[in-house]
Amino acid sequence: MDLSARKYSFIEEIFKVEEATFEKLEKVLKKEKLNKIGVPSEHKEELDNRLESYKENPQDLLDWDDIRKDW
């Protein structure tokens, strides 16, 4: 089956799924789309570092209201 036929068949199946399944499919497609956009590896690495830092020290947070007062 060629790609066009597979897409058409997939679309027909989408019309048959329940809302919960459709929402899951939407999430998968959104995630795939974001992956294609391509976040630079430096940004991914920085985010991973920040998440790891937060996991190790969740109490080391700054309150936005306090920061805003200083500006």
N, C-alpha and C. Protein backbone atom coordinates (compact mmCIF):
# COMPACT_ATOMS: atom_id res chain seq x y z
N MET A 1 0.85 -1.16 0.00
CA MET A 1 0.00 0.00 0.00
C MET A 1 0.91 1.24 0.00
N ASP A 2 0.66 2.15 -0.92
CA ASP A 2 1.49 3.34 -0.98
C ASP A 2 1.10 4.33 0.12
N LEU A 3 1.91 5.36 0.31
CA LEU A 3 1.71 6.30 1.41
C LEU A 3 0.37 7.02 1.32
N SER A 4 -0.02 7.43 0.15
CA SER A 4 -1.31 8.12 0.00
C SER A 4 -2.47 7.23 0.43
N ALA A 5 -2.44 5.99 0.04
CA ALA A 5 -3.50 5.06 0.42
C ALA A 5 -3.49 4.82 1.93
N ARG A 6 -2.30 4.72 2.52
CA ARG A 6 -2.19 4.54 3.96
C ARG A 6 -2.76 5.74 4.71
N LYS A 7 -2.47 6.94 4.22
CA LYS A 7 -2.99 8.15 4.85
C LYS A 7 -4.51 8.18 4.78
N TYR A 8 -5.03 7.86 3.64
CA TYR A 8 -6.49 7.85 3.45
C TYR A 8 -7.14 6.84 4.39
N SER A 9 -6.54 5.67 4.49
CA SER A 9 -7.06 4.63 5.39
C SER A 9 -6.99 5.09 6.84
N PHE A 10 -5.91 5.76 7.19
CA PHE A 10 -5.76 6.27 8.55
C PHE A 10 -6.82 7.32 8.86
N ILE A 11 -7.07 8.20 7.93
CA ILE A 11 -8.10 9.23 8.11
C ILE A 11 -9.47 8.58 8.31
N GLU A 12 -9.76 7.56 7.56
CA GLU A 12 -11.04 6.86 7.74
C GLU A 12 -11.14 6.28 9.15
N GLU A 13 -10.04 5.75 9.66
CA GLU A 13 -10.05 5.18 11.01
C GLU A 13 -10.22 6.26 12.08
N ILE A 14 -9.67 7.44 11.85
CA ILE A 14 -9.80 8.53 12.81
C ILE A 14 -11.26 8.89 13.03
N PHE A 15 -12.06 8.84 11.98
CA PHE A 15 -13.48 9.16 12.11
C PHE A 15 -14.21 8.16 13.02
N LYS A 16 -13.63 7.00 13.24
CA LYS A 16 -14.28 5.97 14.03
C LYS A 16 -13.86 5.96 15.50
N VAL A 17 -12.80 6.67 15.87
CA VAL A 17 -12.29 6.58 17.24
C VAL A 17 -13.08 7.47 18.19
N GLU A 18 -13.01 7.11 19.45
CA GLU A 18 -13.67 7.89 20.49
C GLU A 18 -12.81 9.10 20.84
N GLU A 19 -13.40 10.02 21.57
CA GLU A 19 -12.72 11.28 21.87
C GLU A 19 -11.39 11.08 22.60
N ALA A 20 -11.37 10.18 23.58
CA ALA A 20 -10.14 9.96 24.35
C ALA A 20 -9.00 9.49 23.44
N THR A 21 -9.31 8.60 22.54
CA THR A 21 -8.30 8.11 21.60
C THR A 21 -7.86 9.22 20.66
N PHE A 22 -8.80 10.03 20.23
CA PHE A 22 -8.49 11.15 19.34
C PHE A 22 -7.55 12.14 20.03
N GLU A 23 -7.80 12.41 21.30
CA GLU A 23 -6.94 13.32 22.05
C GLU A 23 -5.52 12.78 22.16
N LYS A 24 -5.40 11.48 22.35
CA LYS A 24 -4.07 10.86 22.41
C LYS A 24 -3.35 11.00 21.07
N LEU A 25 -4.10 10.79 19.98
CA LEU A 25 -3.50 10.94 18.66
C LEU A 25 -3.05 12.38 18.43
N GLU A 26 -3.84 13.34 18.88
CA GLU A 26 -3.46 14.75 18.75
C GLU A 26 -2.16 15.03 19.48
N LYS A 27 -2.03 14.48 20.69
CA LYS A 27 -0.81 14.70 21.47
C LYS A 27 0.41 14.12 20.75
N VAL A 28 0.24 12.94 20.19
CA VAL A 28 1.35 12.32 19.46
C VAL A 28 1.75 13.17 18.26
N LEU A 29 0.77 13.67 17.53
CA LEU A 29 1.06 14.48 16.35
C LEU A 29 1.71 15.81 16.75
N LYS A 30 1.25 16.42 17.83
CA LYS A 30 1.86 17.67 18.29
C LYS A 30 3.30 17.44 18.71
N LYS A 31 3.53 16.34 19.41
CA LYS A 31 4.89 16.02 19.85
C LYS A 31 5.80 15.80 18.63
N GLU A 32 5.30 15.10 17.64
CA GLU A 32 6.06 14.86 16.42
C GLU A 32 6.37 16.17 15.71
N LYS A 33 5.40 17.05 15.66
CA LYS A 33 5.60 18.35 15.01
C LYS A 33 6.67 19.15 15.74
N LEU A 34 6.62 19.15 17.07
CA LEU A 34 7.64 19.87 17.84
C LEU A 34 9.03 19.29 17.62
N ASN A 35 9.10 17.98 17.49
CA ASN A 35 10.40 17.35 17.25
C ASN A 35 10.97 17.75 15.89
N LYS A 36 10.10 17.98 14.91
CA LYS A 36 10.56 18.37 13.59
C LYS A 36 11.03 19.82 13.55
N ILE A 37 10.48 20.65 14.45
CA ILE A 37 10.89 22.04 14.50
C ILE A 37 12.37 22.12 14.81
N GLY A 38 12.80 21.27 15.68
CA GLY A 38 14.21 21.19 15.99
C GLY A 38 14.68 22.21 17.01
N VAL A 39 14.65 21.82 18.25
CA VAL A 39 15.21 22.66 19.31
C VAL A 39 16.71 22.40 19.33
N PRO A 40 17.50 23.46 19.33
CA PRO A 40 18.96 23.26 19.33
C PRO A 40 19.39 22.43 20.54
N SER A 41 20.39 21.63 20.34
CA SER A 41 20.87 20.74 21.39
C SER A 41 21.34 21.52 22.62
N GLU A 42 21.87 22.74 22.40
CA GLU A 42 22.31 23.56 23.54
C GLU A 42 21.12 23.92 24.42
N HIS A 43 19.98 24.21 23.81
CA HIS A 43 18.78 24.55 24.57
C HIS A 43 18.26 23.34 25.34
N LYS A 44 18.26 22.18 24.68
CA LYS A 44 17.83 20.96 25.36
C LYS A 44 18.73 20.66 26.54
N GLU A 45 20.03 20.83 26.33
CA GLU A 45 20.99 20.57 27.39
C GLU A 45 20.77 21.53 28.57
N GLU A 46 20.54 22.81 28.26
CA GLU A 46 20.30 23.79 29.32
C GLU A 46 19.04 23.45 30.10
N LEU A 47 17.99 23.07 29.41
CA LEU A 47 16.76 22.69 30.08
C LEU A 47 16.97 21.46 30.96
N ASP A 48 17.68 20.47 30.43
CA ASP A 48 17.98 19.28 31.23
C ASP A 48 18.75 19.65 32.49
N ASN A 49 19.72 20.57 32.37
CA ASN A 49 20.51 21.00 33.52
C ASN A 49 19.62 21.70 34.55
N ARG A 50 18.73 22.54 34.08
CA ARG A 50 17.85 23.27 34.99
C ARG A 50 16.87 22.33 35.68
N LEU A 51 16.35 21.38 34.95
CA LEU A 51 15.44 20.40 35.55
C LEU A 51 16.15 19.56 36.60
N GLU A 52 17.36 19.15 36.29
CA GLU A 52 18.14 18.37 37.25
C GLU A 52 18.44 19.17 38.50
N SER A 53 18.78 20.44 38.31
CA SER A 53 19.04 21.32 39.44
C SER A 53 17.81 21.47 40.31
N TYR A 54 16.66 21.61 39.68
CA TYR A 54 15.42 21.73 40.43
C TYR A 54 15.13 20.44 41.21
N LYS A 55 15.33 19.30 40.57
CA LYS A 55 15.08 18.02 41.24
C LYS A 55 15.99 17.84 42.46
N GLU A 56 17.21 18.30 42.34
CA GLU A 56 18.16 18.15 43.44
C GLU A 56 17.89 19.14 44.58
N ASN A 57 17.38 20.34 44.22
CA ASN A 57 17.16 21.39 45.21
C ASN A 57 15.84 22.11 44.97
N PRO A 58 14.72 21.45 45.17
CA PRO A 58 13.43 22.09 44.86
C PRO A 58 13.13 23.30 45.74
N GLN A 59 13.80 23.41 46.87
CA GLN A 59 13.56 24.54 47.77
C GLN A 59 14.28 25.81 47.29
N ASP A 60 15.23 25.69 46.38
CA ASP A 60 16.00 26.84 45.89
C ASP A 60 15.25 27.56 44.77
N LEU A 61 14.12 28.11 45.11
CA LEU A 61 13.32 28.83 44.13
C LEU A 61 13.22 30.29 44.53
N LEU A 62 13.02 31.14 43.56
CA LEU A 62 12.83 32.56 43.81
C LEU A 62 11.37 32.90 43.56
N ASP A 63 10.81 33.69 44.43
CA ASP A 63 9.43 34.11 44.28
C ASP A 63 9.36 35.28 43.30
N TRP A 64 8.50 35.17 42.32
CA TRP A 64 8.41 36.19 41.29
C TRP A 64 8.05 37.56 41.87
N ASP A 65 7.17 37.60 42.85
CA ASP A 65 6.79 38.87 43.46
C ASP A 65 7.99 39.55 44.11
N ASP A 66 8.85 38.78 44.75
CA ASP A 66 10.06 39.35 45.36
C ASP A 66 11.02 39.88 44.30
N ILE A 67 11.18 39.14 43.23
CA ILE A 67 12.07 39.56 42.15
C ILE A 67 11.54 40.84 41.52
N ARG A 68 10.26 40.89 41.28
CA ARG A 68 9.64 42.04 40.63
C ARG A 68 9.80 43.30 41.48
N LYS A 69 9.75 43.18 42.80
CA LYS A 69 9.92 44.34 43.69
C LYS A 69 11.30 44.94 43.54
N ASP A 70 12.30 44.08 43.32
CA ASP A 70 13.69 44.57 43.19
C ASP A 70 13.95 45.28 41.86
N TRP A 71 13.10 45.09 40.89
CA TRP A 71 13.29 45.72 39.59
C TRP A 71 12.61 47.03 39.60
